[in-house]
C-alpha atoms as a PDB file:
ATOM      1  CA  UNK A   1      -0.014   0.156   0.273  1.00  0.00           C
ATOM      2  CA  UNK A   2       3.120   2.480   0.767  1.00  0.00           C
ATOM      3  CA  UNK A   3       4.496   1.704  -2.486  1.00  0.00           C
ATOM      4  CA  UNK A   4       1.202   2.053  -4.371  1.00  0.00           C
ATOM      5  CA  UNK A   5       0.861   5.770  -2.474  1.00  0.00           C
ATOM      6  CA  UNK A   6       4.337   6.961  -3.199  1.00  0.00           C
ATOM      7  CA  UNK A   7       3.913   5.767  -7.190  1.00  0.00           C
ATOM      8  CA  UNK A   8       1.072   7.997  -7.141  1.00  0.00           C
ATOM      9  CA  UNK A   9       2.621  10.780  -5.527  1.00  0.00           C
ATOM     10  CA  UNK A  10       5.297  10.579  -7.884  1.00  0.00           C
ATOM     11  CA  UNK A  11       2.874  10.463 -10.834  1.00  0.00           C
ATOM     12  CA  UNK A  12       1.064  13.252  -9.889  1.00  0.00           C
ATOM     13  CA  UNK A  13       4.169  15.313  -9.801  1.00  0.00           C
ATOM     14  CA  UNK A  14       3.614  16.028  -5.997  1.00  0.00           C
ATOM     15  CA  UNK A  15       6.959  16.416  -3.726  1.00  0.00           C
ATOM     16  CA  UNK A  16       7.500  14.270  -0.959  1.00  0.00           C
ATOM     17  CA  UNK A  17       8.903  15.960   1.969  1.00  0.00           C
ATOM     18  CA  UNK A  18      12.381  15.409   1.475  1.00  0.00           C
ATOM     19  CA  UNK A  19      11.814  16.408  -2.248  1.00  0.00           C
ATOM     20  CA  UNK A  20      10.015  19.584  -0.850  1.00  0.00           C
ATOM     21  CA  UNK A  21      13.031  20.604   1.266  1.00  0.00           C
ATOM     22  CA  UNK A  22      15.797  19.745  -1.602  1.00  0.00           C
ATOM     23  CA  UNK A  23      13.744  22.535  -3.706  1.00  0.00           C
ATOM     24  CA  UNK A  24      13.644  24.525  -0.799  1.00  0.00           C
ATOM     25  CA  UNK A  25      17.463  24.646  -0.761  1.00  0.00           C
ATOM     26  CA  UNK A  26      17.745  24.554  -4.453  1.00  0.00           C
ATOM     27  CA  UNK A  27      15.742  28.050  -4.543  1.00  0.00           C
ATOM     28  CA  UNK A  28      17.835  29.442  -1.742  1.00  0.00           C
ATOM     29  CA  UNK A  29      20.463  31.938  -3.673  1.00  0.00           C
ATOM     30  CA  UNK A  30      23.569  32.047  -1.542  1.00  0.00           C
ATOM     31  CA  UNK A  31      24.549  28.873  -2.527  1.00  0.00           C
ATOM     32  CA  UNK A  32      28.183  29.120  -1.395  1.00  0.00           C
ATOM     33  CA  UNK A  33      27.284  29.774   1.870  1.00  0.00           C
ATOM     34  CA  UNK A  34      24.956  26.924   2.033  1.00  0.00           C
ATOM     35  CA  UNK A  35      27.461  23.947   0.935  1.00  0.00           C
ATOM     36  CA  UNK A  36      30.557  25.239   3.403  1.00  0.00           C
ATOM     37  CA  UNK A  37      32.765  23.027   0.952  1.00  0.00           C
ATOM     38  CA  UNK A  38      36.105  24.383   0.494  1.00  0.00           C
ATOM     39  CA  UNK A  39      36.397  22.218  -2.810  1.00  0.00           C
ATOM     40  CA  UNK A  40      33.110  23.722  -4.105  1.00  0.00           C
ATOM     41  CA  UNK A  41      34.329  27.320  -2.887  1.00  0.00           C
ATOM     42  CA  UNK A  42      37.302  26.606  -4.802  1.00  0.00           C
ATOM     43  CA  UNK A  43      35.428  25.584  -8.077  1.00  0.00           C
ATOM     44  CA  UNK A  44      33.546  28.403  -7.848  1.00  0.00           C
ATOM     45  CA  UNK A  45      36.178  30.554  -7.594  1.00  0.00           C
ATOM     46  CA  UNK A  46      37.883  28.999 -10.405  1.00  0.00           C
ATOM     47  CA  UNK A  47      34.921  29.737 -12.601  1.00  0.00           C
ATOM     48  CA  UNK A  48      34.668  32.918 -11.717  1.00  0.00           C
ATOM     49  CA  UNK A  49      38.459  33.656 -12.859  1.00  0.00           C
ATOM     50  CA  UNK A  50      38.010  31.985 -15.940  1.00  0.00           C
ATOM     51  CA  UNK A  51      34.941  33.629 -16.528  1.00  0.00           C
ATOM     52  CA  UNK A  52      36.638  37.310 -16.279  1.00  0.00           C
ATOM     53  CA  UNK A  53      40.049  36.126 -17.876  1.00  0.00           C
ATOM     54  CA  UNK A  54      38.945  33.503 -20.651  1.00  0.00           C
ATOM     55  CA  UNK A  55      35.479  34.351 -21.558  1.00  0.00           C
ATOM     56  CA  UNK A  56      35.220  37.991 -21.334  1.00  0.00           C
ATOM     57  CA  UNK A  57      37.912  38.491 -23.885  1.00  0.00           C
ATOM     58  CA  UNK A  58      36.285  35.815 -26.147  1.00  0.00           C
ATOM     59  CA  UNK A  59      33.045  37.392 -25.861  1.00  0.00           C
ATOM     60  CA  UNK A  60      34.406  40.282 -26.805  1.00  0.00           C
ATOM     61  CA  UNK A  61      36.636  39.003 -29.652  1.00  0.00           C
ATOM     62  CA  UNK A  62      33.515  37.344 -30.654  1.00  0.00           C
ATOM     63  CA  UNK A  63      31.470  40.319 -30.916  1.00  0.00           C
ATOM     64  CA  UNK A  64      33.688  41.830 -33.405  1.00  0.00           C
ATOM     65  CA  UNK A  65      34.122  38.793 -35.417  1.00  0.00           C
ATOM     66  CA  UNK A  66      30.099  38.373 -35.614  1.00  0.00           C
ATOM     67  CA  UNK A  67      30.330  42.413 -36.832  1.00  0.00           C
ATOM     68  CA  UNK A  68      32.825  41.268 -39.411  1.00  0.00           C
ATOM     69  CA  UNK A  69      30.551  38.636 -40.568  1.00  0.00           C
ATOM     70  CA  UNK A  70      27.334  40.609 -40.685  1.00  0.00           C
ATOM     71  CA  UNK A  71      28.843  43.512 -42.832  1.00  0.00           C
ATOM     72  CA  UNK A  72      30.318  40.779 -45.072  1.00  0.00           C
ATOM     73  CA  UNK A  73      27.135  39.264 -45.152  1.00  0.00           C
ATOM     74  CA  UNK A  74      25.082  42.743 -45.787  1.00  0.00           C
ATOM     75  CA  UNK A  75      27.142  43.773 -48.649  1.00  0.00           C
ATOM     76  CA  UNK A  76      25.035  45.248 -51.265  1.00  0.00           C
ATOM     77  CA  UNK A  77      21.963  44.285 -49.490  1.00  0.00           C
ATOM     78  CA  UNK A  78      22.718  40.489 -50.175  1.00  0.00           C
ATOM     79  CA  UNK A  79      21.156  39.121 -46.683  1.00  0.00           C
ATOM     80  CA  UNK A  80      17.919  41.161 -46.602  1.00  0.00           C
ATOM     81  CA  UNK A  81      17.372  39.691 -50.053  1.00  0.00           C
ATOM     82  CA  UNK A  82      17.442  36.476 -48.676  1.00  0.00           C
ATOM     83  CA  UNK A  83      14.520  33.901 -48.100  1.00  0.00           C
ATOM     84  CA  UNK A  84      15.993  32.445 -44.775  1.00  0.00           C
ATOM     85  CA  UNK A  85      16.619  36.137 -43.625  1.00  0.00           C
ATOM     86  CA  UNK A  86      13.046  37.390 -44.328  1.00  0.00           C
ATOM     87  CA  UNK A  87      11.611  34.744 -43.041  1.00  0.00           C
ATOM     88  CA  UNK A  88      13.340  34.358 -40.122  1.00  0.00           C
ATOM     89  CA  UNK A  89      13.049  38.131 -38.970  1.00  0.00           C
ATOM     90  CA  UNK A  90       9.415  37.788 -39.882  1.00  0.00           C
ATOM     91  CA  UNK A  91       9.292  34.978 -37.397  1.00  0.00           C
ATOM     92  CA  UNK A  92      10.869  36.946 -34.938  1.00  0.00           C
ATOM     93  CA  UNK A  93       8.701  39.951 -35.627  1.00  0.00           C
ATOM     94  CA  UNK A  94       5.051  37.779 -34.906  1.00  0.00           C
ATOM     95  CA  UNK A  95       6.605  36.611 -31.665  1.00  0.00           C
ATOM     96  CA  UNK A  96       7.823  39.981 -30.383  1.00  0.00           C
ATOM     97  CA  UNK A  97       4.503  41.214 -30.833  1.00  0.00           C
ATOM     98  CA  UNK A  98       2.781  38.074 -29.137  1.00  0.00           C
ATOM     99  CA  UNK A  99       5.367  38.866 -26.258  1.00  0.00           C
ATOM    100  CA  UNK A 100       4.699  42.372 -26.154  1.00  0.00           C
ATOM    101  CA  UNK A 101       1.000  41.814 -25.009  1.00  0.00           C
ATOM    102  CA  UNK A 102       0.695  38.183 -24.236  1.00  0.00           C
ATOM    103  CA  UNK A 103       3.712  37.301 -22.379  1.00  0.00           C
ATOM    104  CA  UNK A 104       2.351  35.715 -19.121  1.00  0.00           C
ATOM    105  CA  UNK A 105      -0.009  33.643 -21.609  1.00  0.00           C
ATOM    106  CA  UNK A 106       3.033  31.904 -22.950  1.00  0.00           C
ATOM    107  CA  UNK A 107       4.888  31.541 -19.683  1.00  0.00           C
ATOM    108  CA  UNK A 108       4.060  28.116 -18.924  1.00  0.00           C
ATOM    109  CA  UNK A 109       5.510  26.827 -22.491  1.00  0.00           C
ATOM    110  CA  UNK A 110       8.628  28.716 -21.341  1.00  0.00           C
ATOM    111  CA  UNK A 111       8.905  27.306 -18.243  1.00  0.00           C
ATOM    112  CA  UNK A 112       8.194  23.382 -19.582  1.00  0.00           C
ATOM    113  CA  UNK A 113      10.745  23.909 -22.224  1.00  0.00           C
ATOM    114  CA  UNK A 114      13.246  25.491 -19.525  1.00  0.00           C
ATOM    115  CA  UNK A 115      12.786  22.299 -17.200  1.00  0.00           C
ATOM    116  CA  UNK A 116      12.847  19.828 -19.792  1.00  0.00           C
ATOM    117  CA  UNK A 117      16.145  21.190 -20.946  1.00  0.00           C
ATOM    118  CA  UNK A 118      17.369  20.632 -17.394  1.00  0.00           C
ATOM    119  CA  UNK A 119      15.921  16.762 -17.577  1.00  0.00           C
ATOM    120  CA  UNK A 120      17.209  16.383 -21.237  1.00  0.00           C
ATOM    121  CA  UNK A 121      20.756  17.589 -19.554  1.00  0.00           C
ATOM    122  CA  UNK A 122      20.492  15.732 -16.238  1.00  0.00           C
ATOM    123  CA  UNK A 123      20.007  12.398 -18.703  1.00  0.00           C
ATOM    124  CA  UNK A 124      22.673  12.758 -20.777  1.00  0.00           C
ATOM    125  CA  UNK A 125      24.962  13.516 -18.006  1.00  0.00           C
ATOM    126  CA  UNK A 126      23.822  10.294 -16.144  1.00  0.00           C
ATOM    127  CA  UNK A 127      22.043  11.683 -13.949  1.00  0.00           C
ATOM    128  CA  UNK A 128      18.750  10.262 -12.355  1.00  0.00           C
ATOM    129  CA  UNK A 129      15.510  12.246 -12.411  1.00  0.00           C
ATOM    130  CA  UNK A 130      13.376  11.905  -9.512  1.00  0.00           C
ATOM    131  CA  UNK A 131      10.657  14.152  -9.782  1.00  0.00           C
ATOM    132  CA  UNK A 132       9.886  17.227 -11.718  1.00  0.00           C
ATOM    133  CA  UNK A 133       6.987  19.984 -12.024  1.00  0.00           C
ATOM    134  CA  UNK A 134       6.259  22.662 -13.898  1.00  0.00           C
ATOM    135  CA  UNK A 135       3.812  25.378 -13.149  1.00  0.00           C
ATOM    136  CA  UNK A 136       2.467  28.984 -14.276  1.00  0.00           C
ATOM    137  CA  UNK A 137       4.519  30.043 -11.198  1.00  0.00           C
ATOM    138  CA  UNK A 138       7.904  28.225 -12.293  1.00  0.00           C
ATOM    139  CA  UNK A 139       9.128  24.497 -12.380  1.00  0.00           C
ATOM    140  CA  UNK A 140      11.740  22.466 -10.800  1.00  0.00           C
ATOM    141  CA  UNK A 141      13.774  19.737 -11.512  1.00  0.00           C
ATOM    142  CA  UNK A 142      14.981  16.845  -8.964  1.00  0.00           C
ATOM    143  CA  UNK A 143      17.578  14.830  -9.706  1.00  0.00           C
ATOM    144  CA  UNK A 144      20.615  13.016  -7.973  1.00  0.00           C
ATOM    145  CA  UNK A 145      23.411  15.299  -9.724  1.00  0.00           C
ATOM    146  CA  UNK A 146      24.047  18.895 -10.754  1.00  0.00           C
ATOM    147  CA  UNK A 147      26.947  20.300 -13.011  1.00  0.00           C
ATOM    148  CA  UNK A 148      27.247  23.500 -15.124  1.00  0.00           C
ATOM    149  CA  UNK A 149      25.555  21.745 -18.359  1.00  0.00           C
ATOM    150  CA  UNK A 150      22.931  20.690 -16.378  1.00  0.00           C
ATOM    151  CA  UNK A 151      22.150  23.795 -14.902  1.00  0.00           C
ATOM    152  CA  UNK A 152      22.852  26.168 -17.627  1.00  0.00           C
ATOM    153  CA  UNK A 153      21.386  24.093 -20.207  1.00  0.00           C
ATOM    154  CA  UNK A 154      18.125  25.898 -20.924  1.00  0.00           C
ATOM    155  CA  UNK A 155      19.999  29.391 -21.241  1.00  0.00           C
ATOM    156  CA  UNK A 156      22.526  28.037 -23.739  1.00  0.00           C
ATOM    157  CA  UNK A 157      20.282  26.064 -26.144  1.00  0.00           C
ATOM    158  CA  UNK A 158      17.360  27.338 -27.337  1.00  0.00           C
ATOM    159  CA  UNK A 159      14.912  23.995 -26.761  1.00  0.00           C
ATOM    160  CA  UNK A 160      11.881  24.722 -29.188  1.00  0.00           C
ATOM    161  CA  UNK A 161      14.316  26.157 -31.802  1.00  0.00           C
ATOM    162  CA  UNK A 162      16.143  22.316 -31.627  1.00  0.00           C
ATOM    163  CA  UNK A 163      12.755  20.904 -31.682  1.00  0.00           C
ATOM    164  CA  UNK A 164      11.775  22.611 -34.889  1.00  0.00           C
ATOM    165  CA  UNK A 165      14.932  21.444 -36.320  1.00  0.00           C
ATOM    166  CA  UNK A 166      14.872  18.217 -35.025  1.00  0.00           C
ATOM    167  CA  UNK A 167      11.391  17.857 -36.547  1.00  0.00           C
ATOM    168  CA  UNK A 168      12.421  19.033 -39.996  1.00  0.00           C
ATOM    169  CA  UNK A 169      15.086  16.551 -40.195  1.00  0.00           C
ATOM    170  CA  UNK A 170      12.704  13.708 -39.348  1.00  0.00           C
ATOM    171  CA  UNK A 171      10.090  15.113 -41.824  1.00  0.00           C
ATOM    172  CA  UNK A 172      12.915  15.236 -44.380  1.00  0.00           C
ATOM    173  CA  UNK A 173      13.175  11.332 -44.285  1.00  0.00           C
ATOM    174  CA  UNK A 174       9.505  10.479 -45.220  1.00  0.00           C
ATOM    175  CA  UNK A 175       9.176  13.534 -48.088  1.00  0.00           C
ATOM    176  CA  UNK A 176      10.692  15.848 -50.161  1.00  0.00           C
ATOM    177  CA  UNK A 177      10.870  19.055 -48.143  1.00  0.00           C
ATOM    178  CA  UNK A 178      12.539  21.283 -51.161  1.00  0.00           C
ATOM    179  CA  UNK A 179       9.430  21.216 -53.430  1.00  0.00           C
ATOM    180  CA  UNK A 180       6.470  23.497 -52.876  1.00  0.00           C
ATOM    181  CA  UNK A 181       3.406  21.144 -51.525  1.00  0.00           C
ATOM    182  CA  UNK A 182       0.197  22.036 -52.265  1.00  0.00           C
ATOM    183  CA  UNK A 183      -2.275  21.452 -49.526  1.00  0.00           C
ATOM    184  CA  UNK A 184      -6.067  20.490 -50.204  1.00  0.00           C
ATOM    185  CA  UNK A 185      -8.740  22.323 -47.755  1.00  0.00           C
ATOM    186  CA  UNK A 186     -11.717  21.497 -49.364  1.00  0.00           C
ATOM    187  CA  UNK A 187     -12.247  23.533 -52.468  1.00  0.00           C
ATOM    188  CA  UNK A 188      -8.766  25.594 -52.159  1.00  0.00           C
ATOM    189  CA  UNK A 189      -5.649  24.457 -52.864  1.00  0.00           C
ATOM    190  CA  UNK A 190      -2.771  26.036 -50.401  1.00  0.00           C
ATOM    191  CA  UNK A 191       0.995  26.543 -51.556  1.00  0.00           C
ATOM    192  CA  UNK A 192       3.019  25.153 -48.553  1.00  0.00           C
ATOM    193  CA  UNK A 193       6.833  26.036 -49.119  1.00  0.00           C
ATOM    194  CA  UNK A 194       8.758  23.982 -46.398  1.00  0.00           C
ATOM    195  CA  UNK A 195      11.764  26.200 -46.397  1.00  0.00           C
ATOM    196  CA  UNK A 196      10.054  29.120 -45.452  1.00  0.00           C
ATOM    197  CA  UNK A 197       7.915  27.456 -42.784  1.00  0.00           C
ATOM    198  CA  UNK A 198      11.511  26.209 -41.419  1.00  0.00           C
ATOM    199  CA  UNK A 199      13.081  29.713 -41.295  1.00  0.00           C
ATOM    200  CA  UNK A 200       9.944  31.546 -39.751  1.00  0.00           C
ATOM    201  CA  UNK A 201       9.665  28.521 -36.738  1.00  0.00           C
ATOM    202  CA  UNK A 202      13.220  29.193 -36.050  1.00  0.00           C
ATOM    203  CA  UNK A 203      12.936  32.557 -35.958  1.00  0.00           C
ATOM    204  CA  UNK A 204       9.765  32.881 -33.809  1.00  0.00           C
ATOM    205  CA  UNK A 205      11.264  30.095 -31.178  1.00  0.00           C
ATOM    206  CA  UNK A 206      14.667  31.641 -31.081  1.00  0.00           C
ATOM    207  CA  UNK A 207      13.369  34.940 -30.211  1.00  0.00           C
ATOM    208  CA  UNK A 208      10.928  33.240 -28.160  1.00  0.00           C
ATOM    209  CA  UNK A 209      13.929  31.406 -26.339  1.00  0.00           C
ATOM    210  CA  UNK A 210      15.884  34.981 -26.195  1.00  0.00           C
ATOM    211  CA  UNK A 211      13.119  37.247 -25.014  1.00  0.00           C
ATOM    212  CA  UNK A 212      11.851  34.883 -22.326  1.00  0.00           C
ATOM    213  CA  UNK A 213      15.969  33.962 -21.320  1.00  0.00           C
ATOM    214  CA  UNK A 214      16.538  37.693 -20.748  1.00  0.00           C
ATOM    215  CA  UNK A 215      13.311  37.957 -18.696  1.00  0.00           C
ATOM    216  CA  UNK A 216      14.269  35.229 -16.316  1.00  0.00           C
ATOM    217  CA  UNK A 217      17.621  36.321 -15.937  1.00  0.00           C
ATOM    218  CA  UNK A 218      16.458  39.452 -14.787  1.00  0.00           C
ATOM    219  CA  UNK A 219      14.342  38.033 -11.963  1.00  0.00           C
ATOM    220  CA  UNK A 220      16.222  34.861 -11.226  1.00  0.00           C
ATOM    221  CA  UNK A 221      19.568  34.213 -11.043  1.00  0.00           C
ATOM    222  CA  UNK A 222      20.168  31.175  -8.867  1.00  0.00           C
ATOM    223  CA  UNK A 223      21.603  29.137 -11.837  1.00  0.00           C
ATOM    224  CA  UNK A 224      24.009  31.869 -12.136  1.00  0.00           C
ATOM    225  CA  UNK A 225      24.971  32.056  -8.985  1.00  0.00           C
ATOM    226  CA  UNK A 226      25.379  28.663  -8.666  1.00  0.00           C
ATOM    227  CA  UNK A 227      28.074  28.703 -11.203  1.00  0.00           C
ATOM    228  CA  UNK A 228      29.340  31.816 -10.683  1.00  0.00           C
ATOM    229  CA  UNK A 229      27.406  35.105 -12.155  1.00  0.00           C
ATOM    230  CA  UNK A 230      30.361  36.092 -14.235  1.00  0.00           C
ATOM    231  CA  UNK A 231      31.604  32.648 -15.694  1.00  0.00           C
ATOM    232  CA  UNK A 232      27.405  31.838 -16.689  1.00  0.00           C
ATOM    233  CA  UNK A 233      26.831  35.517 -18.004  1.00  0.00           C
ATOM    234  CA  UNK A 234      29.621  35.479 -20.327  1.00  0.00           C
ATOM    235  CA  UNK A 235      29.231  31.615 -21.052  1.00  0.00           C
ATOM    236  CA  UNK A 236      25.476  32.074 -21.792  1.00  0.00           C
ATOM    237  CA  UNK A 237      26.325  35.140 -23.805  1.00  0.00           C
ATOM    238  CA  UNK A 238      28.908  33.240 -26.394  1.00  0.00           C
ATOM    239  CA  UNK A 239      26.536  30.193 -27.099  1.00  0.00           C
ATOM    240  CA  UNK A 240      24.022  32.313 -27.972  1.00  0.00           C
ATOM    241  CA  UNK A 241      26.049  34.384 -29.953  1.00  0.00           C
ATOM    242  CA  UNK A 242      28.171  31.300 -31.878  1.00  0.00           C
ATOM    243  CA  UNK A 243      24.048  30.309 -32.655  1.00  0.00           C
ATOM    244  CA  UNK A 244      23.311  33.592 -34.155  1.00  0.00           C
ATOM    245  CA  UNK A 245      26.659  33.562 -35.905  1.00  0.00           C
ATOM    246  CA  UNK A 246      25.803  29.755 -36.998  1.00  0.00           C
ATOM    247  CA  UNK A 247      22.023  30.702 -38.413  1.00  0.00           C
ATOM    248  CA  UNK A 248      23.628  33.928 -40.022  1.00  0.00           C
ATOM    249  CA  UNK A 249      26.551  31.973 -42.085  1.00  0.00           C
ATOM    250  CA  UNK A 250      23.563  29.258 -43.105  1.00  0.00           C
ATOM    251  CA  UNK A 251      21.249  32.393 -44.216  1.00  0.00           C
ATOM    252  CA  UNK A 252      23.933  33.889 -46.094  1.00  0.00           C
ATOM    253  CA  UNK A 253      25.422  32.873 -49.417  1.00  0.00           C
ATOM    254  CA  UNK A 254      28.136  35.800 -49.094  1.00  0.00           C
ATOM    255  CA  UNK A 255      29.834  33.937 -46.318  1.00  0.00           C
ATOM    256  CA  UNK A 256      30.899  30.112 -45.081  1.00  0.00           C
ATOM    257  CA  UNK A 257      31.893  28.281 -42.316  1.00  0.00           C
ATOM    258  CA  UNK A 258      35.446  28.887 -43.041  1.00  0.00           C
ATOM    259  CA  UNK A 259      35.202  32.627 -43.313  1.00  0.00           C
ATOM    260  CA  UNK A 260      33.568  32.452 -39.862  1.00  0.00           C
ATOM    261  CA  UNK A 261      36.416  30.618 -38.364  1.00  0.00           C
ATOM    262  CA  UNK A 262      39.069  32.715 -40.045  1.00  0.00           C
ATOM    263  CA  UNK A 263      37.505  36.119 -38.850  1.00  0.00           C
ATOM    264  CA  UNK A 264      37.510  34.554 -35.065  1.00  0.00           C
ATOM    265  CA  UNK A 265      40.943  33.162 -35.313  1.00  0.00           C
ATOM    266  CA  UNK A 266      42.280  36.497 -36.730  1.00  0.00           C
ATOM    267  CA  UNK A 267      40.471  38.406 -34.373  1.00  0.00           C
ATOM    268  CA  UNK A 268      42.098  36.007 -31.584  1.00  0.00           C
ATOM    269  CA  UNK A 269      45.658  36.196 -33.252  1.00  0.00           C
ATOM    270  CA  UNK A 270      45.267  40.234 -33.094  1.00  0.00           C
ATOM    271  CA  UNK A 271      43.900  40.572 -30.094  1.00  0.00           C
ATOM    272  CA  UNK A 272      46.193  38.747 -28.033  1.00  0.00           C
ATOM    273  CA  UNK A 273      49.171  39.470 -30.203  1.00  0.00           C
ATOM    274  CA  UNK A 274      48.518  43.090 -29.327  1.00  0.00           C
ATOM    275  CA  UNK A 275      48.151  42.392 -25.861  1.00  0.00           C
ATOM    276  CA  UNK A 276      51.443  40.216 -25.934  1.00  0.00           C
ATOM    277  CA  UNK A 277      53.506  43.441 -27.612  1.00  0.00           C
ATOM    278  CA  UNK A 278      52.056  45.615 -24.737  1.00  0.00           C
ATOM    279  CA  UNK A 279      52.977  43.279 -21.925  1.00  0.00           C
ATOM    280  CA  UNK A 280      56.527  42.815 -23.735  1.00  0.00           C
ATOM    281  CA  UNK A 281      56.532  46.592 -23.927  1.00  0.00           C
ATOM    282  CA  UNK A 282      55.580  47.205 -20.077  1.00  0.00           C
ATOM    283  CA  UNK A 283      57.936  44.700 -19.100  1.00  0.00           C
ATOM    284  CA  UNK A 284      60.764  46.655 -20.586  1.00  0.00           C
ATOM    285  CA  UNK A 285      59.864  50.073 -19.130  1.00  0.00           C
ATOM    286  CA  UNK A 286      59.508  48.172 -15.887  1.00  0.00           C
ATOM    287  CA  UNK A 287      62.669  46.744 -16.165  1.00  0.00           C
ATOM    288  CA  UNK A 288      64.308  49.529 -17.316  1.00  0.00           C
ATOM    289  CA  UNK A 289      62.939  52.106 -14.312  1.00  0.00           C
ATOM    290  CA  UNK A 290      63.763  49.160 -12.119  1.00  0.00           C
ATOM    291  CA  UNK A 291      67.496  49.180 -13.270  1.00  0.00           C
ATOM    292  CA  UNK A 292      67.746  52.573 -12.960  1.00  0.00           C
ATOM    293  CA  UNK A 293      66.254  52.650  -9.174  1.00  0.00           C
ATOM    294  CA  UNK A 294      68.554  50.219  -8.272  1.00  0.00           C
ATOM    295  CA  UNK A 295      71.567  52.121  -9.991  1.00  0.00           C
ATOM    296  CA  UNK A 296      70.646  55.370  -7.766  1.00  0.00           C
ATOM    297  CA  UNK A 297      70.117  53.556  -4.667  1.00  0.00           C
ATOM    298  CA  UNK A 298      73.608  52.095  -5.166  1.00  0.00           C
ATOM    299  CA  UNK A 299      74.805  56.151  -4.863  1.00  0.00           C
ATOM    300  CA  UNK A 300      72.782  56.686  -1.900  1.00  0.00           C
ATOM    301  CA  UNK A 301      74.782  57.654   1.310  1.00  0.00           C
ATOM    302  CA  UNK A 302      73.461  57.506   5.154  1.00  0.00           C
ATOM    303  CA  UNK A 303      74.129  60.895   6.351  1.00  0.00           C
END
């Protein structure tokens, strides 16, 4: 009987007492103070250092590289004329109009995708998912382990965009998606262009992801604090920037993946080359000043 009641409670997504306590623990923002483990403190400090020393410069470099790719793709208005960009932009505009007037209505859809991103990331990392809950007031996932990927997956990966692409790929196995299909509704024949529909849905779902991610990060930052705010923030920015850059390369016939890699590698080489030369120049100045000071000290006499 007890086992049956326990299974029924799990099916209804109602947390047990220990799960409720773990949920309350997860919702506390001051994660570092809660753990009290020196190793966790050390890892968090390392992530903060990586965020400022490595991810921040890489983010700045990537922004300049993306700007260069965007200018190259937009030369002569070529990007604006592509079907992919037009329908991607149209999908984004439609979502932004909906978000402006009905953001609370679609919040449940975002929470569902958010929590399922946690679940899928946890499964990929070999974790056991004990329970989960989705509601208008938020959601939670109860697992036996957590790491950077599990906690930040909803911010790094646009879940619904991935679903759209996967669905398109599966549909392509069963039919020709390059040809325009005629959908018959009664006596009407409506042309259906799967490429335009795909670009529209990608634009719709990606702006859905971006708008709710920015809104969530403003009001709820426990996932970021758990991994270090600077580390998480720059990592989220980088991942989403690379996703946009990838979509830009796919949509444009002016640039290729090699152009993107070349632009990024050149920006890294130029930036760190400049930094190295500045450090070398500064070290020479410091060395000269130090040598001059030591020479003066040898000439000092005690009065």
